[in-house]
Amino acid sequence: MKKLNIFKKASITALGLLLPMFAFAQMGIQEIQNYQGSNQRDLPTAIMTIVNYALIIVGVLALAFIVYGGFLYITAHGDDKQVSSAKDIIINAVIGIVVIGIAAALVNFVVGAVSQ
């Protein structure tokens, strides 16, 4: 059981690290050329755009964990261990969403202050 838990954590971490690459892989040739050829794109704006996309993806993952925790809670059928696990997942996902919101505000504030 412990090996499964480690595998689950490792796969979630790997997925979280790889998802931004999948998102940028969806850009078309024209969008990439516009991105590279635009004079309005400077380094702070590019950093803010990348970080915001990453935070959106992580936020969607946190919402998926809330749904997963709700599913576990509904299907617990009175099993105290599963109910406790579901509550922990939901609480941690909500904490994650709060941290994501704070991180987004902080990154936007810092990059906005540096770029002016």
C-alpha atoms as a PDB file:
ATOM      1  CA  MET A   1       0.000   0.000   0.000  1.00  0.00           C
ATOM      2  CA  LYS A   2       2.882   2.352   0.760  1.00  0.00           C
ATOM      3  CA  LYS A   3       4.377   1.809  -2.720  1.00  0.00           C
ATOM      4  CA  LEU A   4       1.068   2.823  -4.287  1.00  0.00           C
ATOM      5  CA  ASN A   5       0.992   6.018  -2.238  1.00  0.00           C
ATOM      6  CA  ILE A   6       4.535   6.928  -3.337  1.00  0.00           C
ATOM      7  CA  PHE A   7       3.659   6.147  -6.957  1.00  0.00           C
ATOM      8  CA  LYS A   8       0.551   8.322  -6.721  1.00  0.00           C
ATOM      9  CA  LYS A   9       2.516  11.279  -5.346  1.00  0.00           C
ATOM     10  CA  ALA A  10       5.277  10.890  -7.928  1.00  0.00           C
ATOM     11  CA  SER A  11       2.840  10.688 -10.829  1.00  0.00           C
ATOM     12  CA  ILE A  12       0.909  13.758  -9.655  1.00  0.00           C
ATOM     13  CA  THR A  13       4.168  15.709  -9.294  1.00  0.00           C
ATOM     14  CA  ALA A  14       5.357  14.643 -12.750  1.00  0.00           C
ATOM     15  CA  LEU A  15       2.011  15.568 -14.269  1.00  0.00           C
ATOM     16  CA  GLY A  16       2.131  18.988 -12.630  1.00  0.00           C
ATOM     17  CA  LEU A  17       5.597  19.613 -14.018  1.00  0.00           C
ATOM     18  CA  LEU A  18       4.782  18.424 -17.535  1.00  0.00           C
ATOM     19  CA  LEU A  19       1.404  20.089 -18.070  1.00  0.00           C
ATOM     20  CA  PRO A  20       2.798  23.521 -18.979  1.00  0.00           C
ATOM     21  CA  MET A  21       4.797  21.900 -21.774  1.00  0.00           C
ATOM     22  CA  PHE A  22       1.643  20.315 -23.169  1.00  0.00           C
ATOM     23  CA  ALA A  23      -0.127  23.674 -23.031  1.00  0.00           C
ATOM     24  CA  PHE A  24       2.589  25.445 -25.013  1.00  0.00           C
ATOM     25  CA  ALA A  25       2.733  22.570 -27.490  1.00  0.00           C
ATOM     26  CA  GLN A  26      -0.798  23.507 -28.561  1.00  0.00           C
ATOM     27  CA  MET A  27       0.317  26.856 -29.966  1.00  0.00           C
ATOM     28  CA  GLY A  28       0.145  27.075 -33.739  1.00  0.00           C
ATOM     29  CA  ILE A  29       2.960  28.193 -36.030  1.00  0.00           C
ATOM     30  CA  GLN A  30       1.359  31.605 -36.574  1.00  0.00           C
ATOM     31  CA  GLU A  31       0.984  32.195 -32.831  1.00  0.00           C
ATOM     32  CA  ILE A  32       4.614  31.266 -32.227  1.00  0.00           C
ATOM     33  CA  GLN A  33       5.792  33.614 -34.989  1.00  0.00           C
ATOM     34  CA  ASN A  34       3.611  36.422 -33.610  1.00  0.00           C
ATOM     35  CA  TYR A  35       4.988  35.755 -30.140  1.00  0.00           C
ATOM     36  CA  GLN A  36       8.594  35.871 -31.337  1.00  0.00           C
ATOM     37  CA  GLY A  37       8.170  38.769 -33.748  1.00  0.00           C
ATOM     38  CA  SER A  38       6.190  41.127 -31.545  1.00  0.00           C
ATOM     39  CA  ASN A  39       8.042  44.181 -30.227  1.00  0.00           C
ATOM     40  CA  GLN A  40       5.554  44.586 -27.397  1.00  0.00           C
ATOM     41  CA  ARG A  41       6.641  41.361 -25.711  1.00  0.00           C
ATOM     42  CA  ASP A  42       9.433  41.964 -23.253  1.00  0.00           C
ATOM     43  CA  LEU A  43      10.910  39.639 -20.659  1.00  0.00           C
ATOM     44  CA  PRO A  44       8.680  40.613 -17.696  1.00  0.00           C
ATOM     45  CA  THR A  45       5.543  40.221 -19.807  1.00  0.00           C
ATOM     46  CA  ALA A  46       6.685  36.831 -21.083  1.00  0.00           C
ATOM     47  CA  ILE A  47       7.492  35.656 -17.561  1.00  0.00           C
ATOM     48  CA  MET A  48       4.127  36.866 -16.283  1.00  0.00           C
ATOM     49  CA  THR A  49       2.317  35.103 -19.144  1.00  0.00           C
ATOM     50  CA  ILE A  50       4.112  31.800 -18.553  1.00  0.00           C
ATOM     51  CA  VAL A  51       3.578  31.921 -14.782  1.00  0.00           C
ATOM     52  CA  ASN A  52      -0.104  32.793 -15.214  1.00  0.00           C
ATOM     53  CA  TYR A  53      -0.631  29.854 -17.568  1.00  0.00           C
ATOM     54  CA  ALA A  54       1.134  27.549 -15.123  1.00  0.00           C
ATOM     55  CA  LEU A  55      -1.020  28.831 -12.257  1.00  0.00           C
ATOM     56  CA  ILE A  56      -4.179  28.254 -14.296  1.00  0.00           C
ATOM     57  CA  ILE A  57      -3.165  24.664 -14.970  1.00  0.00           C
ATOM     58  CA  VAL A  58      -2.334  24.061 -11.312  1.00  0.00           C
ATOM     59  CA  GLY A  59      -5.668  25.632 -10.337  1.00  0.00           C
ATOM     60  CA  VAL A  60      -7.515  23.240 -12.620  1.00  0.00           C
ATOM     61  CA  LEU A  61      -5.626  20.359 -10.985  1.00  0.00           C
ATOM     62  CA  ALA A  62      -6.665  21.632  -7.545  1.00  0.00           C
ATOM     63  CA  LEU A  63     -10.297  21.732  -8.663  1.00  0.00           C
ATOM     64  CA  ALA A  64      -9.914  18.175  -9.956  1.00  0.00           C
ATOM     65  CA  PHE A  65      -8.704  17.140  -6.498  1.00  0.00           C
ATOM     66  CA  ILE A  66     -11.783  18.738  -4.948  1.00  0.00           C
ATOM     67  CA  VAL A  67     -13.969  16.686  -7.276  1.00  0.00           C
ATOM     68  CA  TYR A  68     -11.946  13.554  -6.456  1.00  0.00           C
ATOM     69  CA  GLY A  69     -12.263  14.226  -2.716  1.00  0.00           C
ATOM     70  CA  GLY A  70     -15.996  14.762  -3.118  1.00  0.00           C
ATOM     71  CA  PHE A  71     -16.276  11.483  -5.002  1.00  0.00           C
ATOM     72  CA  LEU A  72     -14.409   9.680  -2.218  1.00  0.00           C
ATOM     73  CA  TYR A  73     -16.645  11.326   0.369  1.00  0.00           C
ATOM     74  CA  ILE A  74     -19.832  10.328  -1.420  1.00  0.00           C
ATOM     75  CA  THR A  75     -18.711   6.735  -1.965  1.00  0.00           C
ATOM     76  CA  ALA A  76     -17.375   6.254   1.572  1.00  0.00           C
ATOM     77  CA  HIS A  77     -20.565   4.519   2.794  1.00  0.00           C
ATOM     78  CA  GLY A  78     -19.742   5.349   6.399  1.00  0.00           C
ATOM     79  CA  ASP A  79     -16.112   4.183   6.317  1.00  0.00           C
ATOM     80  CA  ASP A  80     -14.421   6.572   8.735  1.00  0.00           C
ATOM     81  CA  LYS A  81     -10.980   6.124   7.176  1.00  0.00           C
ATOM     82  CA  GLN A  82     -12.215   7.003   3.676  1.00  0.00           C
ATOM     83  CA  VAL A  83     -14.260   9.946   4.978  1.00  0.00           C
ATOM     84  CA  SER A  84     -11.191  11.276   6.773  1.00  0.00           C
ATOM     85  CA  SER A  85      -9.076  10.817   3.643  1.00  0.00           C
ATOM     86  CA  ALA A  86     -11.675  12.608   1.507  1.00  0.00           C
ATOM     87  CA  LYS A  87     -11.873  15.530   3.945  1.00  0.00           C
ATOM     88  CA  ASP A  88      -8.079  15.834   3.979  1.00  0.00           C
ATOM     89  CA  ILE A  89      -7.966  15.883   0.171  1.00  0.00           C
ATOM     90  CA  ILE A  90     -10.650  18.572  -0.025  1.00  0.00           C
ATOM     91  CA  ILE A  91      -9.022  20.713   2.677  1.00  0.00           C
ATOM     92  CA  ASN A  92      -5.600  20.453   1.036  1.00  0.00           C
ATOM     93  CA  ALA A  93      -7.065  21.320  -2.371  1.00  0.00           C
ATOM     94  CA  VAL A  94      -8.791  24.412  -0.957  1.00  0.00           C
ATOM     95  CA  ILE A  95      -5.534  25.459   0.724  1.00  0.00           C
ATOM     96  CA  GLY A  96      -3.814  24.932  -2.633  1.00  0.00           C
ATOM     97  CA  ILE A  97      -6.330  27.162  -4.402  1.00  0.00           C
ATOM     98  CA  VAL A  98      -5.751  29.908  -1.818  1.00  0.00           C
ATOM     99  CA  VAL A  99      -1.973  29.608  -2.270  1.00  0.00           C
ATOM    100  CA  ILE A 100      -2.402  29.699  -6.067  1.00  0.00           C
ATOM    101  CA  GLY A 101      -4.463  32.883  -5.788  1.00  0.00           C
ATOM    102  CA  ILE A 102      -1.884  34.534  -3.547  1.00  0.00           C
ATOM    103  CA  ALA A 103       0.921  33.448  -5.881  1.00  0.00           C
ATOM    104  CA  ALA A 104      -0.888  34.860  -8.923  1.00  0.00           C
ATOM    105  CA  ALA A 105      -1.471  38.184  -7.201  1.00  0.00           C
ATOM    106  CA  LEU A 106       2.129  38.334  -5.992  1.00  0.00           C
ATOM    107  CA  VAL A 107       3.632  37.497  -9.406  1.00  0.00           C
ATOM    108  CA  ASN A 108       1.416  40.029 -11.184  1.00  0.00           C
ATOM    109  CA  PHE A 109       2.282  42.696  -8.619  1.00  0.00           C
ATOM    110  CA  VAL A 110       6.046  42.076  -8.705  1.00  0.00           C
ATOM    111  CA  VAL A 111       6.287  41.840 -12.486  1.00  0.00           C
ATOM    112  CA  GLY A 112       4.086  44.925 -12.853  1.00  0.00           C
ATOM    113  CA  ALA A 113       6.260  46.877 -10.417  1.00  0.00           C
ATOM    114  CA  VAL A 114       9.507  45.769 -12.081  1.00  0.00           C
ATOM    115  CA  SER A 115       8.361  46.470 -15.630  1.00  0.00           C
ATOM    116  CA  GLN A 116       7.352  50.092 -14.921  1.00  0.00           C
END
